[in-house]
Amino acid sequence: MQVKLAMDDVTIELGNNGVTLTIADNDGRHIGHLRIGQATVEWRKGKTRAGNGKKLQLAKLIEILERS
């Protein structure tokens, strides 16, 4: 599976480390991090360290989203 991030006519192909998004609420308070890799997605609530979050295979996430 390939993962690419498209931003204003720029396409970036993800390497082994993927990309990590910092998630905050509307008031700017930190909620957690969402790491998207080539094969897995990891949600790290709060200040959880990388590798200690909830992981899900990317194919499984797509399956779940398509069912809803």
C-alpha atoms as a PDB file:
ATOM      1  CA  MET A   1       0.000   0.000   0.000  1.00  0.00           C
ATOM      2  CA  GLN A   2       1.326   3.449  -0.832  1.00  0.00           C
ATOM      3  CA  VAL A   3       0.473   6.506   1.192  1.00  0.00           C
ATOM      4  CA  LYS A   4       0.843   9.999  -0.249  1.00  0.00           C
ATOM      5  CA  LEU A   5       0.007  13.396   1.149  1.00  0.00           C
ATOM      6  CA  ALA A   6      -1.218  15.995  -1.350  1.00  0.00           C
ATOM      7  CA  MET A   7      -0.873  19.662  -0.392  1.00  0.00           C
ATOM      8  CA  ASP A   8      -1.548  22.482  -2.825  1.00  0.00           C
ATOM      9  CA  ASP A   9      -0.208  20.720  -5.905  1.00  0.00           C
ATOM     10  CA  VAL A  10       2.677  19.107  -3.951  1.00  0.00           C
ATOM     11  CA  THR A  11       2.754  15.330  -3.511  1.00  0.00           C
ATOM     12  CA  ILE A  12       4.959  13.750  -0.849  1.00  0.00           C
ATOM     13  CA  GLU A  13       5.507  10.005  -0.758  1.00  0.00           C
ATOM     14  CA  LEU A  14       5.861   8.734   2.808  1.00  0.00           C
ATOM     15  CA  GLY A  15       8.966   6.827   3.863  1.00  0.00           C
ATOM     16  CA  ASN A  16       9.184   4.223   6.599  1.00  0.00           C
ATOM     17  CA  ASN A  17       8.500   6.714   9.395  1.00  0.00           C
ATOM     18  CA  GLY A  18       5.241   7.988   7.934  1.00  0.00           C
ATOM     19  CA  VAL A  19       3.803  11.328   9.012  1.00  0.00           C
ATOM     20  CA  THR A  20       2.617  12.419  12.451  1.00  0.00           C
ATOM     21  CA  LEU A  21      -0.224  14.893  12.868  1.00  0.00           C
ATOM     22  CA  THR A  22      -0.560  16.802  16.142  1.00  0.00           C
ATOM     23  CA  ILE A  23      -4.237  17.021  17.081  1.00  0.00           C
ATOM     24  CA  ALA A  24      -5.640  19.844  19.216  1.00  0.00           C
ATOM     25  CA  ASP A  25      -9.161  20.936  20.079  1.00  0.00           C
ATOM     26  CA  ASN A  26     -10.644  24.255  18.930  1.00  0.00           C
ATOM     27  CA  ASP A  27      -9.069  25.998  21.931  1.00  0.00           C
ATOM     28  CA  GLY A  28      -5.605  24.761  21.001  1.00  0.00           C
ATOM     29  CA  ARG A  29      -5.379  22.161  23.802  1.00  0.00           C
ATOM     30  CA  HIS A  30      -3.327  19.114  22.847  1.00  0.00           C
ATOM     31  CA  ILE A  31      -5.418  15.945  22.397  1.00  0.00           C
ATOM     32  CA  GLY A  32      -2.876  13.560  20.905  1.00  0.00           C
ATOM     33  CA  HIS A  33      -0.950  12.491  17.818  1.00  0.00           C
ATOM     34  CA  LEU A  34      -2.072  10.526  14.782  1.00  0.00           C
ATOM     35  CA  ARG A  35       0.755   8.742  12.958  1.00  0.00           C
ATOM     36  CA  ILE A  36      -0.015   7.479   9.469  1.00  0.00           C
ATOM     37  CA  GLY A  37       2.477   5.045   7.998  1.00  0.00           C
ATOM     38  CA  GLN A  38       2.556   2.914   4.890  1.00  0.00           C
ATOM     39  CA  ALA A  39       0.849  -0.013   6.610  1.00  0.00           C
ATOM     40  CA  THR A  40      -0.461   1.184   9.992  1.00  0.00           C
ATOM     41  CA  VAL A  41      -2.203   4.056  11.726  1.00  0.00           C
ATOM     42  CA  GLU A  42      -1.362   4.805  15.364  1.00  0.00           C
ATOM     43  CA  TRP A  43      -3.380   7.037  17.719  1.00  0.00           C
ATOM     44  CA  ARG A  44      -1.383   8.356  20.668  1.00  0.00           C
ATOM     45  CA  LYS A  45      -3.706  10.043  23.161  1.00  0.00           C
ATOM     46  CA  GLY A  46      -2.161  12.788  25.248  1.00  0.00           C
ATOM     47  CA  LYS A  47       1.604  12.559  25.560  1.00  0.00           C
ATOM     48  CA  THR A  48       1.904   8.836  24.854  1.00  0.00           C
ATOM     49  CA  ARG A  49       5.265   7.900  23.345  1.00  0.00           C
ATOM     50  CA  ALA A  50       5.599   6.620  19.791  1.00  0.00           C
ATOM     51  CA  GLY A  51       4.983   2.895  19.621  1.00  0.00           C
ATOM     52  CA  ASN A  52       2.775   2.861  22.750  1.00  0.00           C
ATOM     53  CA  GLY A  53      -0.455   4.047  21.139  1.00  0.00           C
ATOM     54  CA  LYS A  54      -3.430   2.216  19.665  1.00  0.00           C
ATOM     55  CA  LYS A  55      -2.421   0.700  16.327  1.00  0.00           C
ATOM     56  CA  LEU A  56      -4.588  -0.399  13.429  1.00  0.00           C
ATOM     57  CA  GLN A  57      -3.656  -1.778  10.034  1.00  0.00           C
ATOM     58  CA  LEU A  58      -4.358   0.847   7.382  1.00  0.00           C
ATOM     59  CA  ALA A  59      -6.327  -1.679   5.297  1.00  0.00           C
ATOM     60  CA  LYS A  60      -8.538  -2.417   8.354  1.00  0.00           C
ATOM     61  CA  LEU A  61      -9.163   1.307   8.932  1.00  0.00           C
ATOM     62  CA  ILE A  62     -10.247   1.718   5.309  1.00  0.00           C
ATOM     63  CA  GLU A  63     -12.566  -1.290   5.670  1.00  0.00           C
ATOM     64  CA  ILE A  64     -14.141   0.191   8.808  1.00  0.00           C
ATOM     65  CA  LEU A  65     -14.638   3.599   7.187  1.00  0.00           C
ATOM     66  CA  GLU A  66     -16.187   2.131   4.053  1.00  0.00           C
ATOM     67  CA  ARG A  67     -18.734   0.193   6.153  1.00  0.00           C
ATOM     68  CA  SER A  68     -19.987   3.336   7.886  1.00  0.00           C
END
